[in-house]
Amino acid sequence: MIHANIKDSQRYEALHPALKTLFDYVRNNDLLAAPAGRITIDGDNLFINVSDATLKTKDAQKLEVHQKYIDVHFPLSQPEIIGIRHIDTLTEPDEPFNVADDFAVYTAPADNYLVVHPGEFCLVFPEDAHAPIIGTGKLRKLIAKVRL
């Protein structure tokens, strides 16, 4: 898991070839004004979901994991709390891993929470179970999907 400011994103671009493309796109486009939905940058290899979400309480939000993608969360309209827990500390997911949707959820609580502000990002790898969209009110955010 990486939590950093977008202005420092160049430090992390070497972790995956698509990250430079992603960070350049986010820096050079007004995504707060973009319509909600998918922005395809490189097919299923790199895309952004623009989301208008209602934030949830820590107790109401479940941890999720992915195997084929790195998630990069960018809150745009207000801070977002994201819960984190290493996947090795979890037992079985609520349902078997959904390979087609690259998704599983866990009811176990996160063991750490961080606040991600507009202008920052949180990059989570497959080993990082994460519970995004925590807080109060509405949130405009980006969830970038980077195929491993």
N, C-alpha and C. Protein backbone atom coordinates (compact mmCIF):
# COMPACT_ATOMS: atom_id res chain seq x y z
N MET A 1 0.84 -1.16 0.00
CA MET A 1 0.00 0.00 0.00
C MET A 1 0.89 1.23 0.00
N ILE A 2 0.53 2.19 -0.83
CA ILE A 2 1.26 3.46 -0.89
C ILE A 2 0.24 4.58 -0.75
N HIS A 3 0.53 5.51 0.12
CA HIS A 3 -0.30 6.71 0.29
C HIS A 3 0.63 7.89 0.06
N ALA A 4 0.33 8.69 -0.96
CA ALA A 4 1.23 9.78 -1.31
C ALA A 4 0.46 10.92 -1.98
N ASN A 5 1.16 12.03 -2.16
CA ASN A 5 0.61 13.18 -2.86
C ASN A 5 0.86 13.00 -4.35
N ILE A 6 -0.11 13.40 -5.16
CA ILE A 6 0.02 13.26 -6.61
C ILE A 6 1.25 13.99 -7.14
N LYS A 7 1.67 15.08 -6.49
CA LYS A 7 2.86 15.80 -6.96
C LYS A 7 4.13 14.97 -6.80
N ASP A 8 4.09 13.93 -5.97
CA ASP A 8 5.24 13.05 -5.76
C ASP A 8 5.10 11.71 -6.50
N SER A 9 4.13 11.62 -7.39
CA SER A 9 3.83 10.35 -8.04
C SER A 9 4.99 9.81 -8.88
N GLN A 10 5.89 10.67 -9.34
CA GLN A 10 7.01 10.19 -10.15
C GLN A 10 7.86 9.18 -9.40
N ARG A 11 7.89 9.25 -8.10
CA ARG A 11 8.66 8.29 -7.29
C ARG A 11 8.16 6.86 -7.48
N TYR A 12 6.88 6.70 -7.85
CA TYR A 12 6.24 5.39 -7.88
C TYR A 12 6.02 4.86 -9.29
N GLU A 13 6.35 5.64 -10.29
CA GLU A 13 6.09 5.25 -11.68
C GLU A 13 6.88 4.02 -12.11
N ALA A 14 8.01 3.76 -11.49
CA ALA A 14 8.83 2.61 -11.85
C ALA A 14 8.22 1.28 -11.38
N LEU A 15 7.21 1.33 -10.52
CA LEU A 15 6.60 0.11 -9.99
C LEU A 15 5.79 -0.64 -11.04
N HIS A 16 5.29 0.06 -12.05
CA HIS A 16 4.50 -0.57 -13.12
C HIS A 16 4.55 0.35 -14.33
N PRO A 17 4.71 -0.20 -15.53
CA PRO A 17 4.83 0.65 -16.73
C PRO A 17 3.62 1.56 -16.98
N ALA A 18 2.45 1.20 -16.51
CA ALA A 18 1.25 2.01 -16.78
C ALA A 18 1.07 3.16 -15.78
N LEU A 19 1.80 3.17 -14.69
CA LEU A 19 1.58 4.20 -13.68
C LEU A 19 1.91 5.60 -14.17
N LYS A 20 2.95 5.77 -14.97
CA LYS A 20 3.25 7.11 -15.51
C LYS A 20 2.09 7.60 -16.36
N THR A 21 1.57 6.74 -17.22
CA THR A 21 0.43 7.11 -18.06
C THR A 21 -0.76 7.51 -17.20
N LEU A 22 -1.03 6.74 -16.16
CA LEU A 22 -2.14 7.04 -15.25
C LEU A 22 -1.95 8.38 -14.57
N PHE A 23 -0.80 8.59 -13.94
CA PHE A 23 -0.59 9.83 -13.20
C PHE A 23 -0.60 11.04 -14.14
N ASP A 24 -0.03 10.91 -15.32
CA ASP A 24 -0.09 12.01 -16.29
C ASP A 24 -1.53 12.33 -16.66
N TYR A 25 -2.34 11.30 -16.88
CA TYR A 25 -3.75 11.50 -17.24
C TYR A 25 -4.49 12.22 -16.12
N VAL A 26 -4.29 11.78 -14.89
CA VAL A 26 -4.98 12.39 -13.75
C VAL A 26 -4.54 13.85 -13.58
N ARG A 27 -3.26 14.13 -13.73
CA ARG A 27 -2.77 15.49 -13.57
C ARG A 27 -3.25 16.43 -14.68
N ASN A 28 -3.44 15.89 -15.88
CA ASN A 28 -3.69 16.75 -17.05
C ASN A 28 -5.16 16.81 -17.48
N ASN A 29 -6.08 16.26 -16.69
CA ASN A 29 -7.50 16.29 -17.04
C ASN A 29 -8.33 16.74 -15.85
N ASP A 30 -9.41 17.45 -16.14
CA ASP A 30 -10.32 17.91 -15.09
C ASP A 30 -11.32 16.80 -14.81
N LEU A 31 -10.95 15.88 -13.96
CA LEU A 31 -11.79 14.71 -13.70
C LEU A 31 -12.89 14.99 -12.69
N LEU A 32 -12.81 16.10 -11.98
CA LEU A 32 -13.91 16.49 -11.11
C LEU A 32 -15.15 16.82 -11.95
N ALA A 33 -14.93 17.30 -13.19
CA ALA A 33 -16.04 17.65 -14.08
C ALA A 33 -16.41 16.52 -15.05
N ALA A 34 -15.67 15.44 -15.05
CA ALA A 34 -15.94 14.32 -15.97
C ALA A 34 -17.23 13.62 -15.57
N PRO A 35 -17.97 13.08 -16.53
CA PRO A 35 -19.16 12.31 -16.17
C PRO A 35 -18.77 11.02 -15.44
N ALA A 36 -19.65 10.57 -14.55
CA ALA A 36 -19.41 9.31 -13.86
C ALA A 36 -19.38 8.19 -14.90
N GLY A 37 -18.56 7.19 -14.64
CA GLY A 37 -18.44 6.05 -15.55
C GLY A 37 -16.99 5.71 -15.80
N ARG A 38 -16.79 4.89 -16.80
CA ARG A 38 -15.46 4.36 -17.11
C ARG A 38 -14.76 5.25 -18.15
N ILE A 39 -13.49 5.51 -17.87
CA ILE A 39 -12.60 6.16 -18.83
C ILE A 39 -11.57 5.11 -19.21
N THR A 40 -11.59 4.69 -20.47
CA THR A 40 -10.65 3.67 -20.93
C THR A 40 -9.40 4.36 -21.46
N ILE A 41 -8.27 4.00 -20.91
CA ILE A 41 -6.99 4.55 -21.36
C ILE A 41 -6.25 3.54 -22.21
N ASP A 42 -6.22 2.28 -21.76
CA ASP A 42 -5.58 1.20 -22.50
C ASP A 42 -6.39 -0.09 -22.33
N GLY A 43 -7.59 -0.10 -22.87
CA GLY A 43 -8.46 -1.28 -22.80
C GLY A 43 -8.65 -1.73 -21.37
N ASP A 44 -8.52 -3.04 -21.14
CA ASP A 44 -8.65 -3.58 -19.79
C ASP A 44 -7.33 -3.54 -19.02
N ASN A 45 -6.28 -3.01 -19.65
CA ASN A 45 -4.99 -2.91 -18.97
C ASN A 45 -4.90 -1.70 -18.06
N LEU A 46 -5.60 -0.61 -18.43
CA LEU A 46 -5.57 0.61 -17.63
C LEU A 46 -6.85 1.38 -17.91
N PHE A 47 -7.65 1.55 -16.85
CA PHE A 47 -8.86 2.35 -16.98
C PHE A 47 -9.17 3.00 -15.64
N ILE A 48 -10.04 3.99 -15.69
CA ILE A 48 -10.43 4.73 -14.50
C ILE A 48 -11.95 4.67 -14.38
N ASN A 49 -12.43 4.37 -13.20
CA ASN A 49 -13.85 4.47 -12.91
C ASN A 49 -14.06 5.78 -12.15
N VAL A 50 -14.87 6.67 -12.73
CA VAL A 50 -15.24 7.92 -12.07
C VAL A 50 -16.52 7.62 -11.31
N SER A 51 -16.51 7.83 -10.00
CA SER A 51 -17.61 7.40 -9.15
C SER A 51 -18.11 8.54 -8.27
N ASP A 52 -19.41 8.61 -8.13
CA ASP A 52 -20.05 9.49 -7.15
C ASP A 52 -20.64 8.56 -6.09
N ALA A 53 -20.00 8.51 -4.95
CA ALA A 53 -20.35 7.52 -3.93
C ALA A 53 -20.91 8.18 -2.68
N THR A 54 -21.77 7.46 -2.00
CA THR A 54 -22.21 7.84 -0.66
C THR A 54 -21.29 7.14 0.32
N LEU A 55 -20.62 7.92 1.15
CA LEU A 55 -19.67 7.35 2.09
C LEU A 55 -20.39 6.54 3.16
N LYS A 56 -19.69 5.53 3.69
CA LYS A 56 -20.24 4.61 4.68
C LYS A 56 -19.44 4.70 5.98
N THR A 57 -19.99 4.10 7.02
CA THR A 57 -19.27 4.01 8.28
C THR A 57 -18.23 2.89 8.19
N LYS A 58 -17.28 2.90 9.09
CA LYS A 58 -16.28 1.83 9.13
C LYS A 58 -16.94 0.46 9.30
N ASP A 59 -17.97 0.39 10.14
CA ASP A 59 -18.64 -0.88 10.40
C ASP A 59 -19.43 -1.38 9.20
N ALA A 60 -19.90 -0.47 8.35
CA ALA A 60 -20.73 -0.87 7.21
C ALA A 60 -19.91 -1.23 5.97
N GLN A 61 -18.65 -0.86 5.94
CA GLN A 61 -17.84 -1.10 4.74
C GLN A 61 -16.98 -2.34 4.91
N LYS A 62 -17.02 -3.21 3.91
CA LYS A 62 -16.24 -4.45 3.94
C LYS A 62 -14.90 -4.28 3.23
N LEU A 63 -13.96 -5.11 3.66
CA LEU A 63 -12.67 -5.19 2.96
C LEU A 63 -12.86 -5.89 1.63
N GLU A 64 -12.13 -5.45 0.61
CA GLU A 64 -12.16 -6.09 -0.70
C GLU A 64 -10.73 -6.37 -1.14
N VAL A 65 -10.59 -7.36 -2.01
CA VAL A 65 -9.29 -7.69 -2.59
C VAL A 65 -9.46 -7.97 -4.08
N HIS A 66 -8.35 -7.81 -4.80
CA HIS A 66 -8.30 -8.10 -6.23
C HIS A 66 -7.02 -8.87 -6.49
N GLN A 67 -7.00 -9.69 -7.53
CA GLN A 67 -5.80 -10.45 -7.87
C GLN A 67 -5.14 -9.97 -9.16
N LYS A 68 -5.93 -9.47 -10.11
CA LYS A 68 -5.39 -9.10 -11.42
C LYS A 68 -5.06 -7.62 -11.54
N TYR A 69 -5.49 -6.81 -10.58
CA TYR A 69 -5.32 -5.36 -10.71
C TYR A 69 -4.74 -4.73 -9.47
N ILE A 70 -3.99 -3.66 -9.70
CA ILE A 70 -3.65 -2.70 -8.66
C ILE A 70 -4.77 -1.67 -8.69
N ASP A 71 -5.28 -1.27 -7.54
CA ASP A 71 -6.24 -0.17 -7.46
C ASP A 71 -5.49 1.09 -7.05
N VAL A 72 -5.85 2.20 -7.68
CA VAL A 72 -5.32 3.49 -7.25
C VAL A 72 -6.53 4.39 -6.99
N HIS A 73 -6.70 4.79 -5.74
CA HIS A 73 -7.84 5.59 -5.31
C HIS A 73 -7.44 7.05 -5.24
N PHE A 74 -8.25 7.92 -5.87
CA PHE A 74 -8.03 9.36 -5.89
C PHE A 74 -9.31 10.05 -5.43
N PRO A 75 -9.44 10.46 -4.18
CA PRO A 75 -10.61 11.24 -3.80
C PRO A 75 -10.51 12.64 -4.44
N LEU A 76 -11.62 13.15 -4.93
CA LEU A 76 -11.59 14.44 -5.61
C LEU A 76 -12.31 15.54 -4.84
N SER A 77 -13.48 15.24 -4.29
CA SER A 77 -14.31 16.30 -3.73
C SER A 77 -14.15 16.52 -2.23
N GLN A 78 -13.64 15.52 -1.53
CA GLN A 78 -13.42 15.64 -0.09
C GLN A 78 -12.53 14.48 0.36
N PRO A 79 -12.02 14.52 1.60
CA PRO A 79 -11.21 13.40 2.08
C PRO A 79 -12.03 12.11 2.17
N GLU A 80 -11.31 11.01 2.02
CA GLU A 80 -11.90 9.67 2.10
C GLU A 80 -11.07 8.86 3.09
N ILE A 81 -11.73 8.08 3.90
CA ILE A 81 -11.03 7.15 4.80
C ILE A 81 -10.99 5.79 4.11
N ILE A 82 -9.81 5.16 4.14
CA ILE A 82 -9.65 3.83 3.56
C ILE A 82 -9.06 2.93 4.63
N GLY A 83 -9.74 1.82 4.89
CA GLY A 83 -9.24 0.82 5.83
C GLY A 83 -8.33 -0.15 5.09
N ILE A 84 -7.31 -0.61 5.78
CA ILE A 84 -6.31 -1.51 5.18
C ILE A 84 -6.04 -2.67 6.14
N ARG A 85 -5.86 -3.86 5.56
CA ARG A 85 -5.44 -5.02 6.34
C ARG A 85 -4.73 -5.98 5.39
N HIS A 86 -3.63 -6.55 5.80
CA HIS A 86 -2.90 -7.48 4.93
C HIS A 86 -3.72 -8.75 4.75
N ILE A 87 -3.76 -9.24 3.53
CA ILE A 87 -4.58 -10.41 3.20
C ILE A 87 -4.18 -11.66 3.99
N ASP A 88 -2.91 -11.76 4.37
CA ASP A 88 -2.46 -12.94 5.13
C ASP A 88 -3.09 -13.02 6.52
N THR A 89 -3.66 -11.93 7.01
CA THR A 89 -4.28 -11.95 8.34
C THR A 89 -5.77 -12.27 8.27
N LEU A 90 -6.28 -12.54 7.07
CA LEU A 90 -7.70 -12.84 6.88
C LEU A 90 -7.91 -14.33 6.69
N THR A 91 -9.10 -14.80 7.01
CA THR A 91 -9.44 -16.19 6.76
C THR A 91 -10.17 -16.27 5.43
N GLU A 92 -11.29 -16.92 5.37
CA GLU A 92 -12.02 -17.09 4.11
C GLU A 92 -12.85 -15.85 3.78
N PRO A 93 -12.95 -15.52 2.48
CA PRO A 93 -13.83 -14.40 2.10
C PRO A 93 -15.29 -14.77 2.34
N ASP A 94 -16.15 -13.77 2.29
CA ASP A 94 -17.59 -14.00 2.51
C ASP A 94 -18.15 -14.99 1.49
N GLU A 95 -17.66 -14.92 0.27
CA GLU A 95 -18.01 -15.85 -0.80
C GLU A 95 -16.72 -16.18 -1.53
N PRO A 96 -16.67 -17.29 -2.27
CA PRO A 96 -15.44 -17.60 -3.01
C PRO A 96 -15.03 -16.45 -3.93
N PHE A 97 -13.74 -16.33 -4.16
CA PHE A 97 -13.23 -15.26 -5.03
C PHE A 97 -13.92 -15.32 -6.39
N ASN A 98 -14.43 -14.20 -6.84
CA ASN A 98 -15.10 -14.09 -8.13
C ASN A 98 -14.04 -13.76 -9.18
N VAL A 99 -13.58 -14.78 -9.90
CA VAL A 99 -12.50 -14.60 -10.87
C VAL A 99 -12.92 -13.66 -11.99
N ALA A 100 -14.13 -13.80 -12.49
CA ALA A 100 -14.60 -12.97 -13.61
C ALA A 100 -14.59 -11.49 -13.25
N ASP A 101 -14.97 -11.15 -12.02
CA ASP A 101 -15.01 -9.75 -11.59
C ASP A 101 -13.77 -9.34 -10.81
N ASP A 102 -12.82 -10.29 -10.60
CA ASP A 102 -11.59 -10.03 -9.86
C ASP A 102 -11.89 -9.37 -8.52
N PHE A 103 -12.66 -10.11 -7.69
CA PHE A 103 -13.19 -9.46 -6.50
C PHE A 103 -13.55 -10.49 -5.43
N ALA A 104 -13.21 -10.17 -4.20
CA ALA A 104 -13.71 -10.91 -3.04
C ALA A 104 -13.85 -9.91 -1.90
N VAL A 105 -14.78 -10.17 -0.99
CA VAL A 105 -14.97 -9.30 0.16
C VAL A 105 -14.87 -10.10 1.45
N TYR A 106 -14.49 -9.40 2.51
CA TYR A 106 -14.31 -9.98 3.82
C TYR A 106 -15.03 -9.12 4.85
N THR A 107 -15.68 -9.76 5.82
CA THR A 107 -16.36 -8.99 6.87
C THR A 107 -15.42 -8.61 8.01
N ALA A 108 -14.23 -9.17 8.05
CA ALA A 108 -13.28 -8.80 9.10
C ALA A 108 -13.00 -7.29 9.02
N PRO A 109 -12.76 -6.65 10.15
CA PRO A 109 -12.47 -5.21 10.11
C PRO A 109 -11.05 -4.93 9.62
N ALA A 110 -10.85 -3.74 9.13
CA ALA A 110 -9.50 -3.28 8.81
C ALA A 110 -8.74 -3.13 10.12
N ASP A 111 -7.41 -3.21 10.06
CA ASP A 111 -6.65 -2.98 11.28
C ASP A 111 -5.92 -1.64 11.26
N ASN A 112 -5.99 -0.94 10.15
CA ASN A 112 -5.44 0.42 10.03
C ASN A 112 -6.36 1.24 9.14
N TYR A 113 -6.46 2.52 9.43
CA TYR A 113 -7.26 3.43 8.62
C TYR A 113 -6.41 4.64 8.28
N LEU A 114 -6.56 5.13 7.06
CA LEU A 114 -5.85 6.33 6.68
C LEU A 114 -6.81 7.28 5.99
N VAL A 115 -6.53 8.56 6.11
CA VAL A 115 -7.33 9.58 5.45
C VAL A 115 -6.58 10.01 4.20
N VAL A 116 -7.25 9.91 3.06
CA VAL A 116 -6.67 10.30 1.78
C VAL A 116 -7.41 11.56 1.34
N HIS A 117 -6.67 12.64 1.15
CA HIS A 117 -7.23 13.94 0.81
C HIS A 117 -7.21 14.17 -0.70
N PRO A 118 -8.06 15.05 -1.21
CA PRO A 118 -7.93 15.44 -2.61
C PRO A 118 -6.49 15.91 -2.87
N GLY A 119 -5.95 15.49 -4.00
CA GLY A 119 -4.55 15.78 -4.31
C GLY A 119 -3.61 14.65 -3.90
N GLU A 120 -4.15 13.65 -3.21
CA GLU A 120 -3.38 12.48 -2.80
C GLU A 120 -3.96 11.25 -3.47
N PHE A 121 -3.24 10.14 -3.33
CA PHE A 121 -3.74 8.87 -3.84
C PHE A 121 -3.35 7.76 -2.87
N CYS A 122 -4.07 6.65 -2.99
CA CYS A 122 -3.76 5.44 -2.23
C CYS A 122 -3.69 4.31 -3.24
N LEU A 123 -2.54 3.70 -3.37
CA LEU A 123 -2.29 2.61 -4.31
C LEU A 123 -2.28 1.31 -3.51
N VAL A 124 -3.15 0.38 -3.89
CA VAL A 124 -3.23 -0.89 -3.16
C VAL A 124 -2.95 -2.07 -4.10
N PHE A 125 -2.15 -2.98 -3.62
CA PHE A 125 -1.76 -4.17 -4.35
C PHE A 125 -2.67 -5.35 -3.95
N PRO A 126 -2.58 -6.48 -4.64
CA PRO A 126 -3.43 -7.62 -4.30
C PRO A 126 -3.31 -8.09 -2.85
N GLU A 127 -2.20 -7.89 -2.22
CA GLU A 127 -2.06 -8.32 -0.82
C GLU A 127 -2.69 -7.34 0.17
N ASP A 128 -3.13 -6.19 -0.33
CA ASP A 128 -3.72 -5.14 0.51
C ASP A 128 -5.24 -5.21 0.48
N ALA A 129 -5.84 -5.91 1.44
CA ALA A 129 -7.29 -5.85 1.55
C ALA A 129 -7.63 -4.42 1.96
N HIS A 130 -8.62 -3.85 1.31
CA HIS A 130 -8.92 -2.44 1.53
C HIS A 130 -10.42 -2.19 1.59
N ALA A 131 -10.80 -1.24 2.43
CA ALA A 131 -12.19 -0.84 2.60
C ALA A 131 -12.27 0.65 2.30
N PRO A 132 -12.54 1.01 1.04
CA PRO A 132 -12.61 2.42 0.68
C PRO A 132 -13.99 3.01 0.98
N ILE A 133 -14.15 4.26 0.65
CA ILE A 133 -15.44 4.95 0.69
C ILE A 133 -15.99 5.02 2.12
N ILE A 134 -15.14 5.37 3.07
CA ILE A 134 -15.56 5.53 4.47
C ILE A 134 -15.55 7.03 4.79
N GLY A 135 -16.58 7.46 5.49
CA GLY A 135 -16.70 8.85 5.90
C GLY A 135 -18.16 9.23 5.96
N THR A 136 -18.45 10.52 5.78
CA THR A 136 -19.84 10.99 5.76
C THR A 136 -20.05 11.87 4.54
N GLY A 137 -21.24 11.80 3.99
CA GLY A 137 -21.60 12.63 2.84
C GLY A 137 -21.37 11.92 1.53
N LYS A 138 -21.21 12.71 0.50
CA LYS A 138 -21.00 12.22 -0.87
C LYS A 138 -19.55 12.47 -1.26
N LEU A 139 -19.04 11.60 -2.12
CA LEU A 139 -17.66 11.71 -2.57
C LEU A 139 -17.57 11.47 -4.07
N ARG A 140 -16.94 12.38 -4.78
CA ARG A 140 -16.54 12.17 -6.17
C ARG A 140 -15.12 11.65 -6.09
N LYS A 141 -14.88 10.48 -6.72
CA LYS A 141 -13.54 9.89 -6.65
C LYS A 141 -13.23 9.14 -7.93
N LEU A 142 -11.97 8.84 -8.10
CA LEU A 142 -11.48 8.00 -9.19
C LEU A 142 -10.95 6.72 -8.59
N ILE A 143 -11.26 5.61 -9.26
CA ILE A 143 -10.63 4.34 -8.92
C ILE A 143 -9.98 3.85 -10.19
N ALA A 144 -8.67 3.94 -10.25
CA ALA A 144 -7.94 3.46 -11.43
C ALA A 144 -7.64 1.98 -11.24
N LYS A 145 -7.72 1.25 -12.34
CA LYS A 145 -7.43 -0.17 -12.34
C LYS A 145 -6.23 -0.39 -13.26
N VAL A 146 -5.15 -0.93 -12.70
CA VAL A 146 -3.92 -1.17 -13.43
C VAL A 146 -3.68 -2.67 -13.45
N ARG A 147 -3.77 -3.28 -14.64
CA ARG A 147 -3.60 -4.74 -14.73
C ARG A 147 -2.16 -5.14 -14.46
N LEU A 148 -2.03 -6.15 -13.59
CA LEU A 148 -0.70 -6.70 -13.27
C LEU A 148 -0.23 -7.61 -14.40
